[in-house]
Amino acid sequence: MRDLNVVLLTVFVLTVSVAADDVKTGKMLRVASVQMKSSRDLAANLEKVDQHLQTCADRGVRLAVFPECAITGYFDDVARKTASAELDAAERQVAEFCRELEIAAVIGTPYREDDKLYNSALVITSEGTILERYHKVQLAEDWPDEGDHLSVFEIDGVPCSIIICHDERYPELVRLPVLAGARVILYLSHESGLKAEHKIAPYRAQIQARAVENGVFVVHANAPANEDLTGSHGHSRIIGPDGNLIGPEASIFGEDILTATLDVAEAGAGNARRSLSRGPLRDWWQQGIDRVRIIREPVDAESTR
């Protein structure tokens, strides 16, 4: 295994002057999209997560977003065979990283609960507490069980929500959390690789549409491509409420970190909110809001260190 101390990261930094009071009141949120390449080696992946979190913390990031199944790698056989004890231990280790570095993270991992296996995203606070586990709803794989809820939760006072990969093709999975209050959407993915080139433009178009049609920010962390053109295709990005990219996209093959400071006041969600005041679907959307979980307490108090 390569010495992780010499892994080169390409870091795109958007420098914004931010008052401390604005961060504390939820007006600003400094985020990172971490384009990480995972392997089948769980320990190596966790070591890399730690390194990336340290880089993010050094750059003042408050929330770091990692790709789909970043903890184990996006491998069907690995997801099926990794035991609950291993997954639980990995969760605790990432939570400890967050606590030590005082940074929040959202990271993809398989998750076992009773007889179900989910493709999930962990939301870990800067105190090292697991605040939420979102399970992918719309599946493109045959190994996970489908998710059972949508949610809204706060990071530094900023209301956020999550979708995972194939979820992006279903606009309601963003619209309903936005109507319930979310202003930053965290999108974790391991999209098709370069050999499915015809999918790359629609992927970009769809996630930019989710931002502008709702008037919210999107932080997208995708996995990079491998040298043999397998894996995903990179192009992680941070998108503004107008649908335009904030800074450049990540590369195709690199393990890049994109950072930006989001002015949450710009995410007015006007297009989404008009769904509640105009047209024949007003009552239907209102009923949908009631199905979104508002997360106020950690799902796993024992994760606190």
C-alpha atoms as a PDB file:
ATOM      1  CA  MET A   1       0.000   0.000   0.000  1.00  0.00           C
ATOM      2  CA  ARG A   2       1.282   3.417  -0.826  1.00  0.00           C
ATOM      3  CA  ASP A   3       2.391   5.566   2.089  1.00  0.00           C
ATOM      4  CA  LEU A   4      -0.619   7.784   2.623  1.00  0.00           C
ATOM      5  CA  ASN A   5       1.637  10.568   3.796  1.00  0.00           C
ATOM      6  CA  VAL A   6       2.785  11.076   0.212  1.00  0.00           C
ATOM      7  CA  VAL A   7      -0.607  10.863  -1.517  1.00  0.00           C
ATOM      8  CA  LEU A   8      -1.058  14.064  -3.437  1.00  0.00           C
ATOM      9  CA  LEU A   9      -4.395  15.811  -3.152  1.00  0.00           C
ATOM     10  CA  THR A  10      -5.567  18.420  -5.630  1.00  0.00           C
ATOM     11  CA  VAL A  11      -7.390  20.984  -3.558  1.00  0.00           C
ATOM     12  CA  PHE A  12      -9.601  23.646  -5.053  1.00  0.00           C
ATOM     13  CA  VAL A  13     -10.147  26.403  -2.508  1.00  0.00           C
ATOM     14  CA  LEU A  14     -12.695  29.180  -2.727  1.00  0.00           C
ATOM     15  CA  THR A  15     -11.569  31.820  -0.257  1.00  0.00           C
ATOM     16  CA  VAL A  16     -14.405  33.688   1.379  1.00  0.00           C
ATOM     17  CA  SER A  17     -14.153  35.960   4.388  1.00  0.00           C
ATOM     18  CA  VAL A  18     -16.607  34.676   6.963  1.00  0.00           C
ATOM     19  CA  ALA A  19     -17.483  36.236  10.305  1.00  0.00           C
ATOM     20  CA  ALA A  20     -17.530  33.804  13.212  1.00  0.00           C
ATOM     21  CA  ASP A  21     -21.002  34.945  14.231  1.00  0.00           C
ATOM     22  CA  ASP A  22     -22.360  34.091  10.773  1.00  0.00           C
ATOM     23  CA  VAL A  23     -21.100  30.534  11.094  1.00  0.00           C
ATOM     24  CA  LYS A  24     -22.567  30.114  14.570  1.00  0.00           C
ATOM     25  CA  THR A  25     -25.987  31.395  13.538  1.00  0.00           C
ATOM     26  CA  GLY A  26     -26.258  29.082  10.574  1.00  0.00           C
ATOM     27  CA  LYS A  27     -25.854  31.815   7.949  1.00  0.00           C
ATOM     28  CA  MET A  28     -22.686  30.270   6.536  1.00  0.00           C
ATOM     29  CA  LEU A  29     -21.472  26.689   6.190  1.00  0.00           C
ATOM     30  CA  ARG A  30     -18.009  25.791   4.966  1.00  0.00           C
ATOM     31  CA  VAL A  31     -18.211  22.469   3.148  1.00  0.00           C
ATOM     32  CA  ALA A  32     -15.959  20.064   1.298  1.00  0.00           C
ATOM     33  CA  SER A  33     -16.683  17.513  -1.391  1.00  0.00           C
ATOM     34  CA  VAL A  34     -14.107  14.742  -0.953  1.00  0.00           C
ATOM     35  CA  GLN A  35     -13.570  12.754  -4.156  1.00  0.00           C
ATOM     36  CA  MET A  36     -12.068   9.631  -2.598  1.00  0.00           C
ATOM     37  CA  LYS A  37     -11.012   6.362  -4.216  1.00  0.00           C
ATOM     38  CA  SER A  38     -11.761   3.387  -1.945  1.00  0.00           C
ATOM     39  CA  SER A  39     -10.286  -0.099  -2.138  1.00  0.00           C
ATOM     40  CA  ARG A  40     -11.333  -3.492  -0.805  1.00  0.00           C
ATOM     41  CA  ASP A  41      -9.071  -2.907   2.206  1.00  0.00           C
ATOM     42  CA  LEU A  42     -11.253  -1.522   5.009  1.00  0.00           C
ATOM     43  CA  ALA A  43      -8.320  -0.432   7.183  1.00  0.00           C
ATOM     44  CA  ALA A  44      -6.691   1.420   4.285  1.00  0.00           C
ATOM     45  CA  ASN A  45      -9.970   3.180   3.507  1.00  0.00           C
ATOM     46  CA  LEU A  46     -10.328   4.324   7.102  1.00  0.00           C
ATOM     47  CA  GLU A  47      -6.764   5.612   7.139  1.00  0.00           C
ATOM     48  CA  LYS A  48      -7.502   7.586   3.989  1.00  0.00           C
ATOM     49  CA  VAL A  49     -10.739   8.983   5.470  1.00  0.00           C
ATOM     50  CA  ASP A  50      -8.725  10.211   8.460  1.00  0.00           C
ATOM     51  CA  GLN A  51      -6.188  11.890   6.180  1.00  0.00           C
ATOM     52  CA  HIS A  52      -8.865  13.614   4.107  1.00  0.00           C
ATOM     53  CA  LEU A  53     -10.678  14.811   7.231  1.00  0.00           C
ATOM     54  CA  GLN A  54      -7.439  16.275   8.563  1.00  0.00           C
ATOM     55  CA  THR A  55      -6.939  18.153   5.292  1.00  0.00           C
ATOM     56  CA  CYS A  56     -10.499  19.466   5.455  1.00  0.00           C
ATOM     57  CA  ALA A  57     -10.156  20.514   9.092  1.00  0.00           C
ATOM     58  CA  ASP A  58      -6.920  22.348   8.304  1.00  0.00           C
ATOM     59  CA  ARG A  59      -8.847  24.345   5.694  1.00  0.00           C
ATOM     60  CA  GLY A  60     -11.608  25.372   8.089  1.00  0.00           C
ATOM     61  CA  VAL A  61     -14.222  22.977   6.716  1.00  0.00           C
ATOM     62  CA  ARG A  62     -17.165  22.285   9.020  1.00  0.00           C
ATOM     63  CA  LEU A  63     -18.811  19.517   6.929  1.00  0.00           C
ATOM     64  CA  ALA A  64     -16.961  17.026   4.712  1.00  0.00           C
ATOM     65  CA  VAL A  65     -18.974  14.896   2.268  1.00  0.00           C
ATOM     66  CA  PHE A  66     -17.578  11.551   1.019  1.00  0.00           C
ATOM     67  CA  PRO A  67     -18.796   9.261  -1.802  1.00  0.00           C
ATOM     68  CA  GLU A  68     -21.240   6.374  -1.735  1.00  0.00           C
ATOM     69  CA  CYS A  69     -19.820   3.314   0.094  1.00  0.00           C
ATOM     70  CA  ALA A  70     -16.556   5.165   0.748  1.00  0.00           C
ATOM     71  CA  ILE A  71     -15.876   3.144   3.914  1.00  0.00           C
ATOM     72  CA  THR A  72     -15.915  -0.285   2.258  1.00  0.00           C
ATOM     73  CA  GLY A  73     -15.546   0.609  -1.403  1.00  0.00           C
ATOM     74  CA  TYR A  74     -18.374   0.219  -3.892  1.00  0.00           C
ATOM     75  CA  PHE A  75     -18.120  -3.548  -4.384  1.00  0.00           C
ATOM     76  CA  ASP A  76     -21.237  -5.735  -4.272  1.00  0.00           C
ATOM     77  CA  ASP A  77     -19.398  -8.737  -2.818  1.00  0.00           C
ATOM     78  CA  VAL A  78     -17.701  -6.651  -0.124  1.00  0.00           C
ATOM     79  CA  ALA A  79     -21.015  -5.097   0.907  1.00  0.00           C
ATOM     80  CA  ARG A  80     -22.611  -8.530   1.212  1.00  0.00           C
ATOM     81  CA  LYS A  81     -19.825 -10.187   3.185  1.00  0.00           C
ATOM     82  CA  THR A  82     -18.696  -7.431   5.558  1.00  0.00           C
ATOM     83  CA  ALA A  83     -20.024  -8.318   9.005  1.00  0.00           C
ATOM     84  CA  SER A  84     -22.010  -6.000  11.242  1.00  0.00           C
ATOM     85  CA  ALA A  85     -19.203  -5.951  13.800  1.00  0.00           C
ATOM     86  CA  GLU A  86     -16.736  -4.694  11.182  1.00  0.00           C
ATOM     87  CA  LEU A  87     -19.126  -2.026   9.942  1.00  0.00           C
ATOM     88  CA  ASP A  88     -19.934  -0.905  13.489  1.00  0.00           C
ATOM     89  CA  ALA A  89     -16.243  -0.660  14.357  1.00  0.00           C
ATOM     90  CA  ALA A  90     -15.593   1.384  11.212  1.00  0.00           C
ATOM     91  CA  GLU A  91     -18.432   3.762  12.122  1.00  0.00           C
ATOM     92  CA  ARG A  92     -16.960   4.265  15.582  1.00  0.00           C
ATOM     93  CA  GLN A  93     -13.533   4.954  14.127  1.00  0.00           C
ATOM     94  CA  VAL A  94     -14.819   7.610  11.726  1.00  0.00           C
ATOM     95  CA  ALA A  95     -16.868   9.127  14.549  1.00  0.00           C
ATOM     96  CA  GLU A  96     -13.688   9.330  16.635  1.00  0.00           C
ATOM     97  CA  PHE A  97     -11.866  11.060  13.769  1.00  0.00           C
ATOM     98  CA  CYS A  98     -14.668  13.635  13.633  1.00  0.00           C
ATOM     99  CA  ARG A  99     -14.594  14.178  17.386  1.00  0.00           C
ATOM    100  CA  GLU A 100     -10.828  14.640  17.478  1.00  0.00           C
ATOM    101  CA  LEU A 101     -10.810  17.042  14.540  1.00  0.00           C
ATOM    102  CA  GLU A 102     -14.064  18.797  15.501  1.00  0.00           C
ATOM    103  CA  ILE A 103     -15.511  18.370  12.010  1.00  0.00           C
ATOM    104  CA  ALA A 104     -18.809  16.906  10.794  1.00  0.00           C
ATOM    105  CA  ALA A 105     -18.892  14.313   8.024  1.00  0.00           C
ATOM    106  CA  VAL A 106     -21.351  12.510   5.781  1.00  0.00           C
ATOM    107  CA  ILE A 107     -19.958   9.259   4.437  1.00  0.00           C
ATOM    108  CA  GLY A 108     -21.302   6.275   2.517  1.00  0.00           C
ATOM    109  CA  THR A 109     -21.263   2.753   3.918  1.00  0.00           C
ATOM    110  CA  PRO A 110     -23.275  -0.464   3.911  1.00  0.00           C
ATOM    111  CA  TYR A 111     -25.315  -0.810   7.088  1.00  0.00           C
ATOM    112  CA  ARG A 112     -26.896  -3.902   8.605  1.00  0.00           C
ATOM    113  CA  GLU A 113     -30.032  -3.762  10.736  1.00  0.00           C
ATOM    114  CA  ASP A 114     -31.654  -7.056  11.765  1.00  0.00           C
ATOM    115  CA  ASP A 115     -32.043  -9.019   8.510  1.00  0.00           C
ATOM    116  CA  LYS A 116     -31.733  -5.972   6.250  1.00  0.00           C
ATOM    117  CA  LEU A 117     -28.681  -4.577   4.447  1.00  0.00           C
ATOM    118  CA  TYR A 118     -28.808  -0.937   3.366  1.00  0.00           C
ATOM    119  CA  ASN A 119     -26.705   1.304   1.149  1.00  0.00           C
ATOM    120  CA  SER A 120     -26.445   4.152   3.621  1.00  0.00           C
ATOM    121  CA  ALA A 121     -25.015   7.548   4.434  1.00  0.00           C
ATOM    122  CA  LEU A 122     -23.836   8.265   7.968  1.00  0.00           C
ATOM    123  CA  VAL A 123     -24.189  11.784   9.330  1.00  0.00           C
ATOM    124  CA  ILE A 124     -21.572  12.293  12.041  1.00  0.00           C
ATOM    125  CA  THR A 125     -21.422  15.500  14.060  1.00  0.00           C
ATOM    126  CA  SER A 126     -18.280  17.357  15.074  1.00  0.00           C
ATOM    127  CA  GLU A 127     -18.806  15.874  18.555  1.00  0.00           C
ATOM    128  CA  GLY A 128     -18.450  12.350  17.150  1.00  0.00           C
ATOM    129  CA  THR A 129     -22.138  11.477  17.396  1.00  0.00           C
ATOM    130  CA  ILE A 130     -24.041   9.638  14.666  1.00  0.00           C
ATOM    131  CA  LEU A 131     -26.918  12.001  14.029  1.00  0.00           C
ATOM    132  CA  GLU A 132     -28.603  10.192  11.151  1.00  0.00           C
ATOM    133  CA  ARG A 133     -28.432   7.141   8.891  1.00  0.00           C
ATOM    134  CA  TYR A 134     -30.064   7.718   5.536  1.00  0.00           C
ATOM    135  CA  HIS A 135     -30.695   4.611   3.427  1.00  0.00           C
ATOM    136  CA  LYS A 136     -30.740   4.844  -0.379  1.00  0.00           C
ATOM    137  CA  VAL A 137     -34.348   4.732  -1.569  1.00  0.00           C
ATOM    138  CA  GLN A 138     -34.136   4.148  -5.321  1.00  0.00           C
ATOM    139  CA  LEU A 139     -31.764   1.255  -5.955  1.00  0.00           C
ATOM    140  CA  ALA A 140     -29.550   0.466  -8.937  1.00  0.00           C
ATOM    141  CA  GLU A 141     -27.975  -2.545  -7.144  1.00  0.00           C
ATOM    142  CA  ASP A 142     -29.381  -5.909  -6.138  1.00  0.00           C
ATOM    143  CA  TRP A 143     -27.685  -6.194  -2.728  1.00  0.00           C
ATOM    144  CA  PRO A 144     -29.327  -3.506  -0.584  1.00  0.00           C
ATOM    145  CA  ASP A 145     -32.816  -3.221   0.834  1.00  0.00           C
ATOM    146  CA  GLU A 146     -34.637  -0.040  -0.117  1.00  0.00           C
ATOM    147  CA  GLY A 147     -34.560   2.917   2.240  1.00  0.00           C
ATOM    148  CA  ASP A 148     -37.466   3.705   4.502  1.00  0.00           C
ATOM    149  CA  HIS A 149     -37.378   7.470   5.044  1.00  0.00           C
ATOM    150  CA  LEU A 150     -36.363  10.981   3.981  1.00  0.00           C
ATOM    151  CA  SER A 151     -34.916  13.361   6.535  1.00  0.00           C
ATOM    152  CA  VAL A 152     -33.824  16.878   7.424  1.00  0.00           C
ATOM    153  CA  PHE A 153     -31.098  17.509  10.001  1.00  0.00           C
ATOM    154  CA  GLU A 154     -28.918  20.441  11.006  1.00  0.00           C
ATOM    155  CA  ILE A 155     -25.169  20.889  10.744  1.00  0.00           C
ATOM    156  CA  ASP A 156     -24.013  24.076  12.486  1.00  0.00           C
ATOM    157  CA  GLY A 157     -27.605  25.277  12.402  1.00  0.00           C
ATOM    158  CA  VAL A 158     -27.962  24.719   8.641  1.00  0.00           C
ATOM    159  CA  PRO A 159     -30.796  22.351   7.601  1.00  0.00           C
ATOM    160  CA  CYS A 160     -29.520  19.627   5.261  1.00  0.00           C
ATOM    161  CA  SER A 161     -30.756  16.469   3.574  1.00  0.00           C
ATOM    162  CA  ILE A 162     -29.230  13.537   1.640  1.00  0.00           C
ATOM    163  CA  ILE A 163     -29.688  11.553  -1.535  1.00  0.00           C
ATOM    164  CA  ILE A 164     -27.512   8.683  -2.778  1.00  0.00           C
ATOM    165  CA  CYS A 165     -26.611   8.096  -6.444  1.00  0.00           C
ATOM    166  CA  HIS A 166     -29.670   6.709  -8.315  1.00  0.00           C
ATOM    167  CA  ASP A 167     -31.890   8.798  -5.993  1.00  0.00           C
ATOM    168  CA  GLU A 168     -30.954  11.862  -8.068  1.00  0.00           C
ATOM    169  CA  ARG A 169     -33.233  10.681 -10.875  1.00  0.00           C
ATOM    170  CA  TYR A 170     -36.275  11.103  -8.597  1.00  0.00           C
ATOM    171  CA  PRO A 171     -36.958  14.824  -8.035  1.00  0.00           C
ATOM    172  CA  GLU A 172     -39.400  14.237  -5.170  1.00  0.00           C
ATOM    173  CA  LEU A 173     -36.582  12.880  -2.990  1.00  0.00           C
ATOM    174  CA  VAL A 174     -35.134  16.397  -2.981  1.00  0.00           C
ATOM    175  CA  ARG A 175     -38.297  18.493  -3.258  1.00  0.00           C
ATOM    176  CA  LEU A 176     -39.963  17.019  -0.160  1.00  0.00           C
ATOM    177  CA  PRO A 177     -36.988  17.563   2.209  1.00  0.00           C
ATOM    178  CA  VAL A 178     -36.601  21.086   0.810  1.00  0.00           C
ATOM    179  CA  LEU A 179     -40.269  21.789   1.545  1.00  0.00           C
ATOM    180  CA  ALA A 180     -39.582  20.451   5.041  1.00  0.00           C
ATOM    181  CA  GLY A 181     -36.779  22.977   5.470  1.00  0.00           C
ATOM    182  CA  ALA A 182     -33.561  21.621   3.895  1.00  0.00           C
ATOM    183  CA  ARG A 183     -31.375  24.223   2.209  1.00  0.00           C
ATOM    184  CA  VAL A 184     -28.267  22.127   1.456  1.00  0.00           C
ATOM    185  CA  ILE A 185     -28.554  18.753  -0.296  1.00  0.00           C
ATOM    186  CA  LEU A 186     -25.695  16.295   0.176  1.00  0.00           C
ATOM    187  CA  TYR A 187     -25.371  13.953  -2.796  1.00  0.00           C
ATOM    188  CA  LEU A 188     -23.182  10.863  -2.401  1.00  0.00           C
ATOM    189  CA  SER A 189     -22.542   8.788  -5.500  1.00  0.00           C
ATOM    190  CA  HIS A 190     -20.552   6.146  -7.305  1.00  0.00           C
ATOM    191  CA  GLU A 191     -21.902   6.794 -10.766  1.00  0.00           C
ATOM    192  CA  SER A 192     -21.252   4.752 -13.907  1.00  0.00           C
ATOM    193  CA  GLY A 193     -17.723   4.799 -15.264  1.00  0.00           C
ATOM    194  CA  LEU A 194     -16.158   6.314 -18.363  1.00  0.00           C
ATOM    195  CA  LYS A 195     -17.149   3.318 -20.458  1.00  0.00           C
ATOM    196  CA  ALA A 196     -20.754   4.512 -20.061  1.00  0.00           C
ATOM    197  CA  GLU A 197     -19.888   7.934 -21.434  1.00  0.00           C
ATOM    198  CA  HIS A 198     -23.469   8.537 -22.579  1.00  0.00           C
ATOM    199  CA  LYS A 199     -24.542   8.811 -18.939  1.00  0.00           C
ATOM    200  CA  ILE A 200     -22.094  11.507 -17.869  1.00  0.00           C
ATOM    201  CA  ALA A 201     -23.928  14.538 -19.297  1.00  0.00           C
ATOM    202  CA  PRO A 202     -27.317  13.425 -17.890  1.00  0.00           C
ATOM    203  CA  TYR A 203     -25.744  12.882 -14.457  1.00  0.00           C
ATOM    204  CA  ARG A 204     -24.490  16.452 -14.469  1.00  0.00           C
ATOM    205  CA  ALA A 205     -27.746  17.849 -15.817  1.00  0.00           C
ATOM    206  CA  GLN A 206     -29.894  16.009 -13.296  1.00  0.00           C
ATOM    207  CA  ILE A 207     -28.045  17.134 -10.195  1.00  0.00           C
ATOM    208  CA  GLN A 208     -27.793  20.738 -11.415  1.00  0.00           C
ATOM    209  CA  ALA A 209     -31.536  20.584 -12.024  1.00  0.00           C
ATOM    210  CA  ARG A 210     -32.146  19.397  -8.460  1.00  0.00           C
ATOM    211  CA  ALA A 211     -30.364  22.545  -7.242  1.00  0.00           C
ATOM    212  CA  VAL A 212     -32.043  25.149  -9.457  1.00  0.00           C
ATOM    213  CA  GLU A 213     -35.549  23.660  -9.474  1.00  0.00           C
ATOM    214  CA  ASN A 214     -35.522  23.864  -5.678  1.00  0.00           C
ATOM    215  CA  GLY A 215     -33.310  26.914  -5.110  1.00  0.00           C
ATOM    216  CA  VAL A 216     -30.832  25.146  -2.809  1.00  0.00           C
ATOM    217  CA  PHE A 217     -27.150  24.216  -2.640  1.00  0.00           C
ATOM    218  CA  VAL A 218     -25.923  20.741  -3.591  1.00  0.00           C
ATOM    219  CA  VAL A 219     -22.628  19.256  -2.383  1.00  0.00           C
ATOM    220  CA  HIS A 220     -21.815  16.263  -4.591  1.00  0.00           C
ATOM    221  CA  ALA A 221     -19.073  13.751  -3.726  1.00  0.00           C
ATOM    222  CA  ASN A 222     -18.444  11.131  -6.424  1.00  0.00           C
ATOM    223  CA  ALA A 223     -15.716   8.484  -6.710  1.00  0.00           C
ATOM    224  CA  PRO A 224     -12.963   8.938  -9.329  1.00  0.00           C
ATOM    225  CA  ALA A 225     -12.204   6.649 -12.238  1.00  0.00           C
ATOM    226  CA  ASN A 226      -9.560   3.945 -12.139  1.00  0.00           C
ATOM    227  CA  GLU A 227      -6.714   3.858 -14.637  1.00  0.00           C
ATOM    228  CA  ASP A 228      -8.436   1.016 -16.520  1.00  0.00           C
ATOM    229  CA  LEU A 229     -11.548   3.230 -16.905  1.00  0.00           C
ATOM    230  CA  THR A 230     -13.552   1.207 -14.362  1.00  0.00           C
ATOM    231  CA  GLY A 231     -14.962   2.682 -11.166  1.00  0.00           C
ATOM    232  CA  SER A 232     -16.886   5.925 -11.475  1.00  0.00           C
ATOM    233  CA  HIS A 233     -15.932   9.058 -13.436  1.00  0.00           C
ATOM    234  CA  GLY A 234     -15.057  11.786 -10.920  1.00  0.00           C
ATOM    235  CA  HIS A 235     -16.520  15.236 -11.595  1.00  0.00           C
ATOM    236  CA  SER A 236     -17.516  15.885  -7.985  1.00  0.00           C
ATOM    237  CA  ARG A 237     -18.972  19.369  -7.688  1.00  0.00           C
ATOM    238  CA  ILE A 238     -20.578  22.014  -5.499  1.00  0.00           C
ATOM    239  CA  ILE A 239     -23.649  23.667  -7.030  1.00  0.00           C
ATOM    240  CA  GLY A 240     -25.334  26.935  -6.160  1.00  0.00           C
ATOM    241  CA  PRO A 241     -29.082  27.566  -5.842  1.00  0.00           C
ATOM    242  CA  ASP A 242     -29.092  28.999  -9.379  1.00  0.00           C
ATOM    243  CA  GLY A 243     -27.876  25.652 -10.757  1.00  0.00           C
ATOM    244  CA  ASN A 244     -24.401  26.894 -11.642  1.00  0.00           C
ATOM    245  CA  LEU A 245     -21.200  25.319 -10.348  1.00  0.00           C
ATOM    246  CA  ILE A 246     -19.348  27.036  -7.516  1.00  0.00           C
ATOM    247  CA  GLY A 247     -15.766  26.769  -8.716  1.00  0.00           C
ATOM    248  CA  PRO A 248     -14.481  23.978 -10.972  1.00  0.00           C
ATOM    249  CA  GLU A 249     -15.565  20.373 -11.019  1.00  0.00           C
ATOM    250  CA  ALA A 250     -13.165  17.779  -9.684  1.00  0.00           C
ATOM    251  CA  SER A 251     -11.009  15.850 -12.141  1.00  0.00           C
ATOM    252  CA  ILE A 252     -11.821  12.429 -13.592  1.00  0.00           C
ATOM    253  CA  PHE A 253      -9.034  10.348 -12.026  1.00  0.00           C
ATOM    254  CA  GLY A 254      -7.834  12.442  -9.078  1.00  0.00           C
ATOM    255  CA  GLU A 255      -8.613  12.294  -5.367  1.00  0.00           C
ATOM    256  CA  ASP A 256      -9.628  15.922  -5.177  1.00  0.00           C
ATOM    257  CA  ILE A 257     -11.129  18.025  -2.418  1.00  0.00           C
ATOM    258  CA  LEU A 258     -13.428  20.877  -3.391  1.00  0.00           C
ATOM    259  CA  THR A 259     -14.241  23.484  -0.752  1.00  0.00           C
ATOM    260  CA  ALA A 260     -16.676  26.374  -0.605  1.00  0.00           C
ATOM    261  CA  THR A 261     -18.342  28.544   2.000  1.00  0.00           C
ATOM    262  CA  LEU A 262     -22.078  28.533   1.437  1.00  0.00           C
ATOM    263  CA  ASP A 263     -24.138  31.626   2.216  1.00  0.00           C
ATOM    264  CA  VAL A 264     -27.320  29.854   3.238  1.00  0.00           C
ATOM    265  CA  ALA A 265     -29.356  33.031   2.819  1.00  0.00           C
ATOM    266  CA  GLU A 266     -28.949  32.542  -0.942  1.00  0.00           C
ATOM    267  CA  ALA A 267     -30.857  29.251  -0.753  1.00  0.00           C
ATOM    268  CA  GLY A 268     -34.343  30.735  -0.652  1.00  0.00           C
ATOM    269  CA  ALA A 269     -36.036  27.587  -2.018  1.00  0.00           C
ATOM    270  CA  GLY A 270     -38.496  29.815  -3.847  1.00  0.00           C
ATOM    271  CA  ASN A 271     -39.271  27.413  -6.679  1.00  0.00           C
ATOM    272  CA  ALA A 272     -39.940  24.624  -4.209  1.00  0.00           C
ATOM    273  CA  ARG A 273     -42.054  26.720  -1.861  1.00  0.00           C
ATOM    274  CA  ARG A 274     -44.324  27.820  -4.689  1.00  0.00           C
ATOM    275  CA  SER A 275     -45.428  24.190  -4.936  1.00  0.00           C
ATOM    276  CA  LEU A 276     -47.337  24.820  -1.705  1.00  0.00           C
ATOM    277  CA  SER A 277     -49.109  27.946  -2.902  1.00  0.00           C
ATOM    278  CA  ARG A 278     -49.861  27.374  -6.594  1.00  0.00           C
ATOM    279  CA  GLY A 279     -51.310  24.653  -8.743  1.00  0.00           C
ATOM    280  CA  PRO A 280     -53.448  21.573  -8.180  1.00  0.00           C
ATOM    281  CA  LEU A 281     -50.820  19.607  -6.214  1.00  0.00           C
ATOM    282  CA  ARG A 282     -50.663  21.852  -3.152  1.00  0.00           C
ATOM    283  CA  ASP A 283     -52.395  19.431  -0.815  1.00  0.00           C
ATOM    284  CA  TRP A 284     -50.413  16.504  -2.212  1.00  0.00           C
ATOM    285  CA  TRP A 285     -47.082  18.192  -1.503  1.00  0.00           C
ATOM    286  CA  GLN A 286     -48.236  19.136   1.999  1.00  0.00           C
ATOM    287  CA  GLN A 287     -49.063  15.507   2.737  1.00  0.00           C
ATOM    288  CA  GLY A 288     -45.596  14.536   1.493  1.00  0.00           C
ATOM    289  CA  ILE A 289     -43.898  16.916   3.910  1.00  0.00           C
ATOM    290  CA  ASP A 290     -45.420  14.969   6.773  1.00  0.00           C
ATOM    291  CA  ARG A 291     -43.428  11.910   5.654  1.00  0.00           C
ATOM    292  CA  VAL A 292     -40.051  13.650   6.088  1.00  0.00           C
ATOM    293  CA  ARG A 293     -38.309  12.970   9.383  1.00  0.00           C
ATOM    294  CA  ILE A 294     -36.986  16.026  11.182  1.00  0.00           C
ATOM    295  CA  ILE A 295     -33.911  14.722  13.008  1.00  0.00           C
ATOM    296  CA  ARG A 296     -33.333  16.483  16.320  1.00  0.00           C
ATOM    297  CA  GLU A 297     -31.606  13.804  18.400  1.00  0.00           C
ATOM    298  CA  PRO A 298     -28.751  11.429  17.511  1.00  0.00           C
ATOM    299  CA  VAL A 299     -29.763   7.983  16.338  1.00  0.00           C
ATOM    300  CA  ASP A 300     -26.857   6.465  18.251  1.00  0.00           C
ATOM    301  CA  ALA A 301     -26.035   8.196  21.514  1.00  0.00           C
ATOM    302  CA  GLU A 302     -23.364   5.569  22.258  1.00  0.00           C
ATOM    303  CA  SER A 303     -21.231   6.894  19.403  1.00  0.00           C
ATOM    304  CA  THR A 304     -20.366   9.983  21.453  1.00  0.00           C
ATOM    305  CA  ARG A 305     -16.847   9.910  22.874  1.00  0.00           C
END
